[in-house]
Amino acid sequence: MFTRTESFQQFIKFYPAVTIFAGIILIAFLLTSSWYLPGHFFFEKLAGVNLYIAQGEYWRLITPIFVHSSFSHLLFNAFSLVIFGPALERITGSFLFSLFFLAAGLAANAATYLIQPLTYTHVGASGAIYGILGFFLFLVLLKKDRLSKQNSQTILTLVAVGLIMTFIQPQINVLGHLGGLTAGFLLAPAFLYIAKEERR
């Protein structure tokens, strides 16, 4: 389910939404970290800064999904998207996957904004990626016929490890991870229904 065996060309063909989001994340990292461009300016304009959101800069509820603070941060989230995203894009289709990814990321950033202090700043796609895990957790718990036992065990293990790492790693947006996971779980039935109707 989460094993990638496609060639690069096949991956782009089969999973265009995942490819586009991964590309945007990479481009955003180059823009915000490059020494020959005003990277600091772009980072400041795109990061999730709660104070600025409170002042009306609502785009910061979406743009942090595509901004990363370091190469290792980028690598981990881009790798997670490429591993976990295709399985969901197969289920929902590319358009619905795009809506889901953005909605989960928005929910994660909104939770961060509503609960964290105004001084809090955050970036990263992890909230949206935890949303994908939340979707699959819904399948494991409430739609068991959609997954094999092995895949269900894999998902439960991934969620458990992800939650443990969320609480033990420093500088992690805990609310973003939990908000994304919860949003993905709650959004799953609606997206499954729409995907089913579109295939009729």
Protein backbone atom coordinates (compact mmCIF):
# COMPACT_ATOMS: atom_id res chain seq x y z
CA MET A 1 0.00 0.00 0.00
CA PHE A 2 2.79 2.40 0.90
CA THR A 3 5.50 0.71 -1.18
CA ARG A 4 6.59 2.72 -4.21
CA THR A 5 7.64 0.65 -7.23
CA GLU A 6 6.76 3.09 -10.03
CA SER A 7 9.31 4.82 -12.21
CA PHE A 8 9.54 8.60 -11.92
CA GLN A 9 7.48 9.04 -15.10
CA GLN A 10 4.85 6.57 -13.90
CA PHE A 11 4.64 8.29 -10.53
CA ILE A 12 3.94 11.65 -12.18
CA LYS A 13 1.29 10.08 -14.42
CA PHE A 14 -0.49 8.11 -11.69
CA TYR A 15 -0.25 10.66 -8.86
CA PRO A 16 -0.31 14.18 -10.35
CA ALA A 17 -1.64 15.86 -7.21
CA VAL A 18 1.05 14.39 -4.96
CA THR A 19 3.65 15.35 -7.57
CA ILE A 20 2.41 18.95 -7.77
CA PHE A 21 2.32 19.40 -3.99
CA ALA A 22 5.79 17.91 -3.63
CA GLY A 23 7.00 20.26 -6.36
CA ILE A 24 5.45 23.30 -4.68
CA ILE A 25 7.07 22.35 -1.38
CA LEU A 26 10.45 22.04 -3.07
CA ILE A 27 10.09 25.37 -4.92
CA ALA A 28 8.95 27.10 -1.73
CA PHE A 29 12.01 25.78 0.08
CA LEU A 30 14.30 27.10 -2.64
CA LEU A 31 12.58 30.49 -2.49
CA THR A 32 12.74 30.77 1.29
CA SER A 33 16.25 29.45 1.81
CA SER A 34 18.23 30.55 -1.24
CA TRP A 35 21.17 32.91 -0.65
CA TYR A 36 20.66 34.68 -3.99
CA LEU A 37 17.00 35.51 -3.46
CA PRO A 38 15.34 37.41 -0.61
CA GLY A 39 14.62 34.11 1.10
CA HIS A 40 14.07 35.66 4.52
CA PHE A 41 11.40 37.95 3.03
CA PHE A 42 9.51 35.03 1.48
CA PHE A 43 9.80 32.98 4.67
CA GLU A 44 8.41 35.83 6.79
CA LYS A 45 5.52 36.38 4.35
CA LEU A 46 4.52 32.72 4.15
CA ALA A 47 5.13 31.38 7.67
CA GLY A 48 2.28 30.85 10.10
CA VAL A 49 2.66 33.74 12.52
CA ASN A 50 -0.35 33.82 14.84
CA LEU A 51 -0.06 37.54 15.51
CA TYR A 52 -0.22 38.37 11.81
CA ILE A 53 -3.14 35.99 11.27
CA ALA A 54 -4.99 37.83 14.03
CA GLN A 55 -4.29 41.05 12.14
CA GLY A 56 -5.99 39.73 9.01
CA GLU A 57 -3.24 37.92 7.08
CA TYR A 58 -5.39 34.84 6.66
CA TRP A 59 -3.31 33.35 3.85
CA ARG A 60 -0.96 32.27 6.62
CA LEU A 61 -3.46 29.53 7.48
CA ILE A 62 -2.55 27.83 4.17
CA THR A 63 0.93 28.92 3.12
CA PRO A 64 2.80 27.35 6.08
CA ILE A 65 1.94 23.95 4.58
CA PHE A 66 4.50 24.60 1.86
CA VAL A 67 7.25 26.26 3.93
CA HIS A 68 9.96 24.36 5.81
CA SER A 69 12.57 25.55 8.25
CA SER A 70 15.45 23.27 7.23
CA PHE A 71 16.46 20.74 4.60
CA SER A 72 15.88 17.85 7.02
CA HIS A 73 12.40 19.22 7.78
CA LEU A 74 11.68 19.43 4.05
CA LEU A 75 13.09 15.97 3.36
CA PHE A 76 11.04 14.26 6.06
CA ASN A 77 7.74 15.84 5.04
CA ALA A 78 8.30 15.49 1.28
CA PHE A 79 9.26 11.83 1.76
CA SER A 80 6.15 11.24 3.91
CA LEU A 81 3.94 12.88 1.27
CA VAL A 82 5.41 10.73 -1.51
CA ILE A 83 5.02 7.55 0.56
CA PHE A 84 1.55 8.09 2.06
CA GLY A 85 -0.12 10.41 -0.45
CA PRO A 86 -0.44 8.09 -3.47
CA ALA A 87 -2.61 5.55 -1.63
CA LEU A 88 -5.09 8.29 -0.77
CA GLU A 89 -4.97 9.81 -4.26
CA ARG A 90 -5.87 6.37 -5.66
CA ILE A 91 -8.92 6.23 -3.39
CA THR A 92 -10.24 9.76 -3.88
CA GLY A 93 -8.85 10.90 -7.21
CA SER A 94 -6.51 13.81 -7.75
CA PHE A 95 -8.97 16.69 -7.27
CA LEU A 96 -10.43 15.38 -4.03
CA PHE A 97 -6.97 14.51 -2.76
CA SER A 98 -5.92 18.12 -3.34
CA LEU A 99 -8.95 19.43 -1.44
CA PHE A 100 -8.35 16.98 1.38
CA PHE A 101 -4.66 17.81 1.71
CA LEU A 102 -5.37 21.54 1.87
CA ALA A 103 -8.33 21.10 4.23
CA ALA A 104 -6.32 18.97 6.66
CA GLY A 105 -3.44 21.44 6.57
CA LEU A 106 -5.84 24.34 7.08
CA ALA A 107 -7.44 22.59 10.06
CA ALA A 108 -4.02 21.90 11.60
CA ASN A 109 -2.96 25.53 11.19
CA ALA A 110 -6.31 26.80 12.46
CA ALA A 111 -5.96 24.67 15.60
CA THR A 112 -2.48 26.09 16.09
CA TYR A 113 -3.78 29.63 15.68
CA LEU A 114 -6.76 29.19 18.00
CA ILE A 115 -4.88 27.53 20.88
CA GLN A 116 -1.27 28.67 20.72
CA PRO A 117 -0.28 32.21 21.84
CA LEU A 118 -0.06 35.07 19.36
CA THR A 119 3.74 34.90 19.52
CA TYR A 120 3.75 31.37 18.08
CA THR A 121 5.25 30.77 14.62
CA HIS A 122 5.00 27.52 12.67
CA VAL A 123 5.76 26.03 9.26
CA GLY A 124 5.59 22.62 7.61
CA ALA A 125 3.35 20.13 5.82
CA SER A 126 3.19 17.72 8.74
CA GLY A 127 -0.35 18.76 9.74
CA ALA A 128 -1.63 17.88 6.26
CA ILE A 129 0.36 14.64 6.26
CA TYR A 130 -1.09 13.69 9.65
CA GLY A 131 -4.44 14.36 8.02
CA ILE A 132 -3.65 11.61 5.51
CA LEU A 133 -2.84 9.28 8.41
CA GLY A 134 -6.12 10.31 10.05
CA PHE A 135 -7.97 9.30 6.88
CA PHE A 136 -6.40 5.85 6.93
CA LEU A 137 -7.01 5.55 10.67
CA PHE A 138 -10.71 6.06 9.92
CA LEU A 139 -10.54 3.19 7.43
CA VAL A 140 -8.79 0.95 9.96
CA LEU A 141 -11.30 1.62 12.73
CA LEU A 142 -14.58 2.06 10.86
CA LYS A 143 -14.14 0.66 7.34
CA LYS A 144 -12.15 -2.46 8.03
CA ASP A 145 -13.28 -4.14 4.81
CA ARG A 146 -11.35 -1.56 2.78
CA LEU A 147 -7.94 -2.68 4.04
CA SER A 148 -6.03 -5.90 4.49
CA LYS A 149 -5.01 -6.93 7.99
CA GLN A 150 -1.37 -6.23 7.15
CA ASN A 151 -2.13 -2.72 5.90
CA SER A 152 -4.27 -2.02 8.96
CA GLN A 153 -1.43 -3.06 11.25
CA THR A 154 0.99 -0.90 9.28
CA ILE A 155 -1.26 2.15 9.61
CA LEU A 156 -1.79 1.65 13.34
CA THR A 157 1.96 1.34 13.80
CA LEU A 158 2.62 4.50 11.77
CA VAL A 159 0.04 6.48 13.75
CA ALA A 160 1.40 5.22 17.07
CA VAL A 161 5.00 6.01 16.15
CA GLY A 162 3.96 9.40 14.78
CA LEU A 163 2.17 10.32 18.00
CA ILE A 164 5.08 9.19 20.15
CA MET A 165 7.52 11.25 18.07
CA THR A 166 5.15 14.22 18.24
CA PHE A 167 5.41 14.32 22.01
CA ILE A 168 9.08 13.47 22.50
CA GLN A 169 10.76 15.49 19.75
CA PRO A 170 11.65 19.12 20.49
CA GLN A 171 10.25 22.03 18.49
CA ILE A 172 7.26 20.07 17.20
CA ASN A 173 3.91 21.73 16.58
CA VAL A 174 1.95 19.25 18.67
CA LEU A 175 -1.39 20.96 18.04
CA GLY A 176 -0.71 20.97 14.31
CA HIS A 177 -0.08 17.23 14.29
CA LEU A 178 -3.10 16.44 16.46
CA GLY A 179 -5.30 18.90 14.58
CA GLY A 180 -4.34 17.39 11.23
CA LEU A 181 -4.86 13.82 12.45
CA THR A 182 -8.28 14.69 13.90
CA ALA A 183 -9.33 16.63 10.80
CA GLY A 184 -8.30 13.78 8.53
CA PHE A 185 -10.30 11.30 10.58
CA LEU A 186 -13.40 13.52 10.60
CA LEU A 187 -13.17 14.46 6.92
CA ALA A 188 -12.67 10.88 5.74
CA PRO A 189 -16.34 9.78 5.55
CA ALA A 190 -17.36 12.82 3.50
CA PHE A 191 -14.51 12.38 1.03
CA LEU A 192 -15.16 8.65 0.75
CA TYR A 193 -18.81 9.35 -0.02
CA ILE A 194 -18.02 11.98 -2.65
CA ALA A 195 -15.41 9.74 -4.27
CA LYS A 196 -17.92 6.89 -4.40
CA GLU A 197 -20.59 9.12 -5.97
CA GLU A 198 -18.16 10.41 -8.59
CA ARG A 199 -17.36 6.87 -9.69
CA ARG A 200 -21.00 5.98 -10.35
